[in-house]
Amino acid sequence: PTLDMGGGAVALGQVEFTVTGSCLFVILFFTTLVVMLVILTPAKLEVTTARRKLALALYGAAYLVLSRDSQFQLPPDPGRSTAPASGKKRIIFVRHGESAWNECFNRSFDLSFPVRLFTTLLREAALMLCLDSALLDSPLSQVGFEQAKELQRYVEGDQGEELRKLSETAVFVSSPLRRAAATAVVGFARYFGAGRPLWLVSDLQEISRNVDTLGLAAPWSAPPLQPHEAAVVAAAGRSAAAATGGAAWCRDAASSCMLASFNFGNKAIEDRGSHRLESFCDWVFSPCGPATPQPTVIVAGHSLWFRTFFQAYMPHTAYHECKHAKIVNCGVVMFDLERLQPSCGGRREYRIGVDSVRVLYGGFEKAKAARGAKPAAASKRD
């Protein structure tokens, strides 16, 4: 089915994202990885590490083939609801910086692609004997780390004054995937260096079947960060300690600030992204959760999850670029999320105020936003 978007028709029946043919290379690579793990494990790899790496490789290949994570019906149009709002939270989405997966597969498919693919697979092979990966739970690339540092400079500079004020009374949450958590701890290092917690919420795992959406961290555990990412938080902690005369900051500051009480492990093959969207809304408005006393929730996460969230909870007949375009890497977008008063025995409903959506930093990918607006423009010409 389609819905009229101010003169243009936009399909909203099923949210489905295409897997490129390059994923066939990934399947073949992971098959080879499993065989090599079986051969090399007895002599060179600890049993616990081998078991987890082997399980993740097998599960990643199965998930890529069998998952239907992005195939689901959107919830009923919140724009048609006449129910009054019973609660409201300010939500701030922060997309992660470029990942190693993005670096390989999301840049232009030109003559450099085979080189990028070969380099990524070579790196993956080098990491075979440890619980690390360039593809599974893909970490920030060097470009992604620099993007997160730019966000940190924005937050701490004159232009970031509004975001700093909002952060003072915010609860910080993140996807348990490394690239999202690393972007949060680097971009907002001043807060985590001062001891603020970052809650890891498994509902925020990306909506896609790709293997980079599966986490390395076990349930109720924090993801491993790269040393240069953790060093940023440690430096912020030392600065905070020096300014307040407090104790010296521990070396594992980045890991200690991440709380994994809501990281229930990887999404199941039979799971659907819609369940995680609604479950996160429930978490935000839970009467006894970390977000309960705070007016603002800062969410570090992923482009397709964010875009689908806007499609699901913004009035379906309203046009906004957030429904069609990804937030740029390390972009920051703010909006109000309302919880609607349910009728007797009715389901929970949530709504995003169209006029409340505002870019604080970065914005949206312009080319894709323009493509999303074409149907409306064509209709006006008719």
Protein backbone atom coordinates (compact mmCIF):
# COMPACT_ATOMS: atom_id res chain seq x y z
CA PRO A 1 0.00 0.00 0.00
CA THR A 2 1.01 3.60 -0.53
CA LEU A 3 0.25 6.81 1.31
CA ASP A 4 -0.12 10.31 -0.12
CA MET A 5 2.85 12.41 0.97
CA GLY A 6 1.73 15.94 0.12
CA GLY A 7 1.07 15.20 -3.54
CA GLY A 8 3.34 12.20 -4.02
CA ALA A 9 2.89 8.51 -3.32
CA VAL A 10 5.45 6.78 -1.13
CA ALA A 11 5.35 3.04 -0.43
CA LEU A 12 5.12 2.30 3.27
CA GLY A 13 3.88 -1.30 3.24
CA GLN A 14 7.09 -3.09 3.96
CA VAL A 15 10.45 -1.65 4.89
CA GLU A 16 13.00 -3.74 3.04
CA PHE A 17 16.63 -3.02 2.36
CA THR A 18 18.47 -4.68 -0.49
CA VAL A 19 21.55 -6.78 0.14
CA THR A 20 24.15 -6.20 -2.56
CA GLY A 21 25.85 -8.95 -4.51
CA SER A 22 29.06 -8.17 -2.65
CA CYS A 23 27.60 -10.05 0.33
CA LEU A 24 28.28 -13.27 -1.60
CA PHE A 25 31.97 -12.55 -1.11
CA VAL A 26 31.34 -12.16 2.60
CA ILE A 27 29.52 -15.52 2.81
CA LEU A 28 32.38 -17.24 1.01
CA PHE A 29 34.90 -15.53 3.25
CA PHE A 30 33.13 -16.55 6.44
CA THR A 31 32.92 -20.14 5.22
CA THR A 32 36.69 -20.11 4.73
CA LEU A 33 37.11 -18.46 8.13
CA VAL A 34 35.15 -21.23 9.87
CA VAL A 35 37.25 -23.94 8.20
CA MET A 36 40.50 -22.22 9.20
CA LEU A 37 39.27 -21.73 12.76
CA VAL A 38 38.53 -25.44 13.06
CA ILE A 39 42.02 -26.28 11.77
CA LEU A 40 43.98 -23.73 13.81
CA THR A 41 42.05 -23.68 17.07
CA PRO A 42 43.72 -26.60 18.91
CA ALA A 43 47.20 -25.11 18.67
CA LYS A 44 46.81 -21.34 18.58
CA LEU A 45 43.53 -20.17 20.02
CA GLU A 46 42.03 -20.26 23.49
CA VAL A 47 39.00 -22.51 23.64
CA THR A 48 36.58 -19.83 24.89
CA THR A 49 37.66 -17.29 22.27
CA ALA A 50 37.56 -19.93 19.54
CA ARG A 51 34.08 -21.05 20.53
CA ARG A 52 32.67 -17.52 20.46
CA LYS A 53 34.40 -16.50 17.20
CA LEU A 54 33.27 -19.72 15.52
CA ALA A 55 29.70 -19.30 16.79
CA LEU A 56 29.56 -15.67 15.60
CA ALA A 57 30.93 -16.57 12.16
CA LEU A 58 28.39 -19.36 11.69
CA TYR A 59 25.53 -17.25 13.04
CA GLY A 60 26.54 -14.30 10.85
CA ALA A 61 26.43 -16.43 7.71
CA ALA A 62 23.07 -17.93 8.70
CA TYR A 63 21.65 -14.52 9.61
CA LEU A 64 22.70 -13.04 6.27
CA VAL A 65 20.78 -15.75 4.40
CA LEU A 66 17.73 -16.34 6.63
CA SER A 67 16.96 -13.05 8.40
CA ARG A 68 13.90 -10.96 7.55
CA ASP A 69 14.81 -8.19 9.98
CA SER A 70 13.75 -5.38 7.66
CA GLN A 71 10.47 -6.91 6.46
CA PHE A 72 7.54 -5.75 8.56
CA GLN A 73 4.42 -3.61 8.56
CA LEU A 74 4.69 -0.11 9.92
CA PRO A 75 2.48 0.64 12.95
CA PRO A 76 -0.88 2.40 12.45
CA ASP A 77 -0.60 6.00 11.28
CA PRO A 78 -0.06 8.11 14.43
CA GLY A 79 -1.30 11.11 12.49
CA ARG A 80 -4.81 9.63 12.48
CA SER A 81 -4.93 9.18 16.24
CA THR A 82 -7.06 11.59 18.26
CA ALA A 83 -5.68 10.38 21.58
CA PRO A 84 -4.07 13.06 23.76
CA ALA A 85 -0.38 12.86 24.67
CA SER A 86 0.24 11.37 28.10
CA GLY A 87 3.98 11.96 28.08
CA LYS A 88 6.75 13.58 26.05
CA LYS A 89 10.53 13.17 25.79
CA ARG A 90 13.12 15.08 23.81
CA ILE A 91 15.11 12.56 21.72
CA ILE A 92 18.47 13.33 20.13
CA PHE A 93 19.71 10.88 17.48
CA VAL A 94 23.49 10.68 16.91
CA ARG A 95 24.53 8.51 13.98
CA HIS A 96 27.84 6.66 14.33
CA GLY A 97 30.94 7.65 12.36
CA GLU A 98 32.02 5.77 9.26
CA SER A 99 32.72 2.10 9.99
CA ALA A 100 35.15 -0.31 8.36
CA TRP A 101 32.12 -1.90 6.65
CA ASN A 102 30.99 1.52 5.32
CA GLU A 103 34.53 2.18 4.13
CA CYS A 104 34.52 -1.03 2.10
CA PHE A 105 30.93 -1.36 0.82
CA ASN A 106 29.27 2.06 1.06
CA ARG A 107 31.70 4.16 -0.91
CA SER A 108 31.52 4.35 -4.71
CA PHE A 109 31.64 1.04 -6.59
CA ASP A 110 34.46 2.11 -8.90
CA LEU A 111 37.83 0.59 -9.70
CA SER A 112 38.90 1.06 -6.08
CA PHE A 113 36.22 -1.34 -4.77
CA PRO A 114 38.13 -4.59 -5.44
CA VAL A 115 41.13 -3.11 -3.63
CA ARG A 116 38.98 -2.05 -0.64
CA LEU A 117 37.33 -5.47 -0.53
CA PHE A 118 40.64 -7.32 -0.69
CA THR A 119 42.13 -5.08 2.02
CA THR A 120 39.12 -5.61 4.30
CA LEU A 121 39.17 -9.40 3.86
CA LEU A 122 42.93 -9.45 4.45
CA ARG A 123 42.40 -7.52 7.67
CA GLU A 124 39.67 -9.95 8.67
CA ALA A 125 42.03 -12.87 8.10
CA ALA A 126 44.67 -11.20 10.28
CA LEU A 127 42.11 -10.93 13.10
CA MET A 128 41.03 -14.55 12.75
CA LEU A 129 42.73 -15.76 15.92
CA CYS A 130 41.26 -13.14 18.26
CA LEU A 131 37.80 -11.91 19.22
CA ASP A 132 37.92 -8.97 16.82
CA SER A 133 36.67 -8.38 13.31
CA ALA A 134 36.43 -5.81 10.52
CA LEU A 135 33.07 -7.20 9.36
CA LEU A 136 31.31 -8.60 12.42
CA ASP A 137 30.37 -5.64 14.65
CA SER A 138 32.41 -3.45 12.32
CA PRO A 139 34.41 -0.79 14.26
CA LEU A 140 34.96 2.84 13.31
CA SER A 141 37.35 3.38 10.42
CA GLN A 142 40.07 5.99 10.77
CA VAL A 143 37.78 8.43 8.95
CA GLY A 144 34.96 7.51 11.36
CA PHE A 145 37.19 8.17 14.36
CA GLU A 146 38.10 11.60 12.98
CA GLN A 147 34.39 12.31 12.45
CA ALA A 148 33.75 11.46 16.10
CA LYS A 149 36.59 13.76 17.13
CA GLU A 150 35.02 16.54 15.03
CA LEU A 151 31.77 15.96 16.90
CA GLN A 152 33.67 16.21 20.18
CA ARG A 153 35.15 19.54 19.10
CA TYR A 154 31.67 20.76 18.16
CA VAL A 155 30.21 19.72 21.53
CA GLU A 156 32.98 21.49 23.40
CA GLY A 157 33.09 24.58 21.16
CA ASP A 158 31.00 27.73 21.01
CA GLN A 159 28.59 26.35 18.38
CA GLY A 160 27.76 23.36 20.56
CA GLU A 161 26.38 25.37 23.48
CA GLU A 162 22.78 24.23 22.95
CA LEU A 163 23.77 20.56 22.71
CA ARG A 164 25.92 20.91 25.84
CA LYS A 165 23.00 22.35 27.80
CA LEU A 166 20.73 19.54 26.63
CA SER A 167 23.37 16.97 27.56
CA GLU A 168 23.56 18.22 31.14
CA THR A 169 20.10 16.80 31.88
CA ALA A 170 20.15 13.88 29.43
CA VAL A 171 20.52 10.15 29.73
CA PHE A 172 22.97 8.67 27.21
CA VAL A 173 22.10 5.41 25.47
CA SER A 174 23.73 3.50 22.65
CA SER A 175 23.43 0.49 20.43
CA PRO A 176 25.70 -2.27 21.77
CA LEU A 177 27.57 -2.30 18.45
CA ARG A 178 31.11 -0.92 18.68
CA ARG A 179 30.85 1.88 16.12
CA ALA A 180 27.87 3.45 17.90
CA ALA A 181 29.29 3.12 21.41
CA ALA A 182 32.68 4.45 20.28
CA THR A 183 31.06 7.46 18.60
CA ALA A 184 29.19 8.24 21.82
CA VAL A 185 32.18 7.95 24.17
CA VAL A 186 34.45 9.97 21.85
CA GLY A 187 31.92 12.63 20.79
CA PHE A 188 30.65 13.21 24.33
CA ALA A 189 33.88 12.33 26.16
CA ARG A 190 33.58 15.28 28.55
CA TYR A 191 30.55 13.64 30.19
CA PHE A 192 31.86 10.07 30.32
CA GLY A 193 35.21 11.32 31.53
CA ALA A 194 33.33 12.89 34.44
CA GLY A 195 31.68 9.57 35.30
CA ARG A 196 28.32 9.74 33.45
CA PRO A 197 27.05 6.31 32.31
CA LEU A 198 26.33 5.15 28.76
CA TRP A 199 23.50 2.62 28.74
CA LEU A 200 23.78 -0.11 26.10
CA VAL A 201 20.34 -1.09 24.78
CA SER A 202 20.05 -4.10 22.46
CA ASP A 203 16.81 -2.71 20.94
CA LEU A 204 19.04 -0.21 19.10
CA GLN A 205 20.82 -2.83 16.97
CA GLU A 206 20.69 -1.83 13.31
CA ILE A 207 17.82 -2.98 11.06
CA SER A 208 19.57 -5.05 8.40
CA ARG A 209 20.63 -8.61 7.69
CA ASN A 210 24.28 -7.66 7.11
CA VAL A 211 26.85 -9.27 9.43
CA ASP A 212 28.11 -5.89 10.61
CA THR A 213 24.85 -5.51 12.57
CA LEU A 214 25.75 -8.41 14.88
CA GLY A 215 27.69 -7.66 18.05
CA LEU A 216 30.89 -9.17 19.43
CA ALA A 217 29.89 -8.46 23.03
CA ALA A 218 28.20 -11.24 24.96
CA PRO A 219 24.87 -10.51 26.70
CA TRP A 220 25.23 -8.09 29.63
CA SER A 221 28.72 -7.16 28.42
CA ALA A 222 30.17 -3.99 26.90
CA PRO A 223 31.73 -4.06 23.41
CA PRO A 224 35.51 -3.83 23.13
CA LEU A 225 36.74 -0.42 21.98
CA GLN A 226 39.91 0.32 20.05
CA PRO A 227 42.78 1.69 22.19
CA HIS A 228 42.76 5.16 20.57
CA GLU A 229 39.00 5.46 21.22
CA ALA A 230 39.33 4.55 24.89
CA ALA A 231 42.27 6.96 25.20
CA VAL A 232 39.99 9.92 24.37
CA VAL A 233 37.74 9.17 27.35
CA ALA A 234 40.72 8.55 29.62
CA ALA A 235 42.16 11.94 28.66
CA ALA A 236 38.81 13.62 29.34
CA GLY A 237 38.71 11.88 32.71
CA ARG A 238 42.17 13.14 33.63
CA SER A 239 41.14 16.66 32.68
CA ALA A 240 38.01 16.40 34.82
CA ALA A 241 40.01 15.04 37.75
CA ALA A 242 42.56 17.84 37.45
CA ALA A 243 39.85 20.49 37.29
CA THR A 244 38.01 19.19 40.36
CA GLY A 245 40.97 17.91 42.35
CA GLY A 246 39.56 14.39 42.18
CA ALA A 247 41.36 11.07 41.96
CA ALA A 248 43.31 10.03 38.89
CA TRP A 249 41.17 8.45 36.19
CA CYS A 250 41.37 4.71 35.65
CA ARG A 251 42.82 3.34 32.40
CA ASP A 252 39.58 1.48 31.62
CA ALA A 253 37.42 4.58 31.87
CA ALA A 254 35.68 3.96 28.53
CA SER A 255 34.71 0.41 29.46
CA SER A 256 33.63 1.29 32.98
CA CYS A 257 31.25 4.01 31.78
CA MET A 258 29.31 1.55 29.58
CA LEU A 259 26.50 -0.19 31.45
CA ALA A 260 25.19 -3.35 29.77
CA SER A 261 22.12 -4.14 31.90
CA PHE A 262 19.91 -3.75 28.80
CA ASN A 263 22.21 -5.51 26.34
CA PHE A 264 20.45 -8.86 25.94
CA GLY A 265 22.71 -10.09 23.14
CA ASN A 266 22.32 -10.36 19.40
CA LYS A 267 18.96 -10.14 17.66
CA ALA A 268 17.40 -13.48 16.77
CA ILE A 269 17.02 -14.67 13.18
CA GLU A 270 13.23 -14.61 13.54
CA ASP A 271 13.23 -11.10 15.04
CA ARG A 272 11.87 -8.08 13.17
CA GLY A 273 13.09 -4.50 13.41
CA SER A 274 9.59 -3.25 14.25
CA HIS A 275 9.71 -5.09 17.58
CA ARG A 276 12.89 -3.26 18.56
CA LEU A 277 11.48 0.14 17.56
CA GLU A 278 8.44 -0.27 19.79
CA SER A 279 10.44 -1.85 22.59
CA PHE A 280 12.79 1.14 22.63
CA CYS A 281 9.84 3.55 22.89
CA ASP A 282 8.59 1.50 25.84
CA TRP A 283 12.07 1.71 27.40
CA VAL A 284 12.16 5.50 27.03
CA PHE A 285 8.82 5.90 28.82
CA SER A 286 9.28 3.10 31.34
CA PRO A 287 8.27 4.30 34.82
CA CYS A 288 11.33 2.69 36.41
CA GLY A 289 14.06 2.92 33.74
CA PRO A 290 17.18 5.10 33.48
CA ALA A 291 15.34 7.60 31.25
CA THR A 292 12.49 8.14 33.73
CA PRO A 293 13.83 11.23 35.57
CA GLN A 294 15.46 12.88 32.55
CA PRO A 295 13.72 15.10 29.94
CA THR A 296 16.22 14.26 27.18
CA VAL A 297 17.50 10.97 25.77
CA ILE A 298 20.65 11.08 23.60
CA VAL A 299 20.77 7.99 21.36
CA ALA A 300 23.90 6.81 19.54
CA GLY A 301 22.85 4.45 16.77
CA HIS A 302 22.44 3.61 13.12
CA SER A 303 21.12 5.18 9.93
CA LEU A 304 18.51 2.61 8.86
CA TRP A 305 17.17 2.22 12.40
CA PHE A 306 16.81 6.01 12.70
CA ARG A 307 15.20 6.41 9.27
CA THR A 308 12.73 3.61 9.94
CA PHE A 309 11.89 5.13 13.33
CA PHE A 310 10.92 8.38 11.60
CA GLN A 311 8.83 6.46 9.04
CA ALA A 312 7.04 4.54 11.78
CA TYR A 313 6.19 7.31 14.27
CA MET A 314 5.91 10.46 12.19
CA PRO A 315 2.41 10.99 10.67
CA HIS A 316 2.45 8.87 7.52
CA THR A 317 1.03 11.62 5.31
CA ALA A 318 3.63 14.18 6.39
CA TYR A 319 6.72 14.74 4.28
CA HIS A 320 10.13 15.20 5.86
CA GLU A 321 13.59 14.39 4.55
CA CYS A 322 14.25 12.25 7.63
CA LYS A 323 11.91 9.61 6.13
CA HIS A 324 13.98 9.24 2.98
CA ALA A 325 17.55 10.21 3.79
CA LYS A 326 20.10 8.86 6.22
CA ILE A 327 21.56 11.12 8.88
CA VAL A 328 25.16 11.84 7.90
CA ASN A 329 27.94 10.13 9.84
CA CYS A 330 28.09 11.73 13.30
CA GLY A 331 25.08 13.90 12.46
CA VAL A 332 22.85 15.02 15.34
CA VAL A 333 19.05 15.42 14.95
CA MET A 334 16.61 16.37 17.73
CA PHE A 335 12.83 15.86 17.97
CA ASP A 336 9.97 15.35 20.43
CA LEU A 337 8.49 11.88 20.95
CA GLU A 338 5.01 11.72 22.45
CA ARG A 339 3.40 8.77 24.17
CA LEU A 340 -0.32 8.77 23.35
CA GLN A 341 -2.97 7.87 25.87
CA PRO A 342 -4.11 4.34 24.94
CA SER A 343 -7.78 3.51 24.81
CA CYS A 344 -9.13 0.79 27.08
CA GLY A 345 -7.37 -2.38 26.01
CA GLY A 346 -5.71 -0.59 23.08
CA ARG A 347 -2.12 -0.89 21.97
CA ARG A 348 0.58 1.58 22.93
CA GLU A 349 1.06 4.40 20.41
CA TYR A 350 3.81 6.95 19.91
CA ARG A 351 4.07 10.03 17.71
CA ILE A 352 6.81 12.37 16.48
CA GLY A 353 5.85 16.01 16.04
CA VAL A 354 6.83 16.96 12.50
CA ASP A 355 7.63 20.54 13.47
CA SER A 356 9.82 19.38 16.34
CA VAL A 357 12.47 17.77 14.10
CA ARG A 358 15.59 19.93 14.04
CA VAL A 359 19.18 19.38 12.92
CA LEU A 360 21.77 20.31 15.53
CA TYR A 361 24.86 19.11 13.69
CA GLY A 362 25.58 17.54 10.30
CA GLY A 363 22.09 16.94 8.93
CA PHE A 364 20.97 14.47 6.27
CA GLU A 365 22.55 13.02 3.14
CA LYS A 366 21.29 15.45 0.53
CA ALA A 367 21.30 13.27 -2.59
CA LYS A 368 19.02 10.67 -1.01
CA ALA A 369 16.75 13.33 0.47
CA ALA A 370 16.32 14.82 -2.99
CA ARG A 371 15.45 11.42 -4.46
CA GLY A 372 12.79 10.97 -1.77
CA ALA A 373 11.23 14.31 -2.71
CA LYS A 374 10.96 13.60 -6.45
CA PRO A 375 7.50 11.95 -6.43
CA ALA A 376 5.93 15.05 -4.83
CA ALA A 377 7.64 17.36 -7.31
CA ALA A 378 6.47 15.26 -10.26
CA SER A 379 2.90 15.28 -8.96
CA LYS A 380 2.87 19.07 -8.74
CA ARG A 381 3.96 19.33 -12.35
CA ASP A 382 1.00 17.18 -13.34
